[in-house]
């Protein structure tokens, strides 16, 4: 087992000026499940590949278990990677695919068979060991790829969008399986995804990246309740937080007739409201319902207003019809406040 450190690690691709990863500072304790999340081009996969030894580090350092591995080749870093495309050998059996890294490492056949069997039992693959990858479902193929990583007994597991090729229902199931597996093995895991729901479900902590820079790293609940800037506020949570730029005067902003106190003076502020903090009321900001998304007991109501598109959450049985005129009222004490530059000023603090 091992901790992982990015010490101002930077990667600049030849022919470009902006770093793909810009002075990344991140400490991942031994045994933690860390998720790197962000939109396409945010630098999350590049950071993972720098850790794996598949991408050069142009400045700073990468450490595993306190050892500087910045200039070490991938094979000497004691990490195992699970790729998006599984990368299985189609002509080998499941058992041979799982055991392939051990064969390359000249592990004795008896030891190899024991470790393959253990991994197969852990992943529910015992009945499929004689099959070829082409005879398996997508979820089973992903388990084989994970088995191949597990048998190596590495210090760190690296996973790059491993569930993106699966359908929605299977993704949810595999999320639960990966979380349970990591909990059982206790191996430090760094997991990359663009799916914030996946990140929030899996991560002990989640590192949110944008344009090569780390925006915030914390437990999922903290990211949701105390985002440090408007990017994190808008990226974490589904549907996204409502963000409205409003003028502030006399220490408050007015939103649909409601007064939201602002601790820092006058000027413009960005008011952030989660859908559950925006109520359908008798009085408030006038809006027209565009879409109603029903989710069992709850419904999300997407509205057009003078402040732009806003989303409110309500009970499904109280949801208005599309085209209906409604009034939106904020729960003032649950508002998040950001300055004109997008940095957090204040907000709910549980």
Foldseek 3Di string as FASTA:
>chain_A
DKKKWFQQWWADDPPDDFTLAGGDTDTGGQLFEEEEAEDPSQNQVVVLCQLQQNGATPDGFMDIRNHTCRPPHNVPNQEAEQEQVLPFDQVDFLLCRLLVVVVVVVPDPVLSNVLSCVLCVLLVNPVRRGPGPVVDDLLVSLSSSVSSRVSSVGQEYEYENNCPVDDPVSSVVVLVSVQVSSVVSSHHYYYYDHDLVSNLSRGCKYFYGGSNYTQDIGHLVCLAQPPFFVVSQQSHDPNGWDKFKAWDAPQWTAFFNDTAGHPDHTGIKIKTHHQAQKDFDPGGFKWFFADWADDVQKIWTWTQGPRGIDIHMDGPVPDDDHGDITHIDGNRQAIWIGHPVGGTRDGDDD
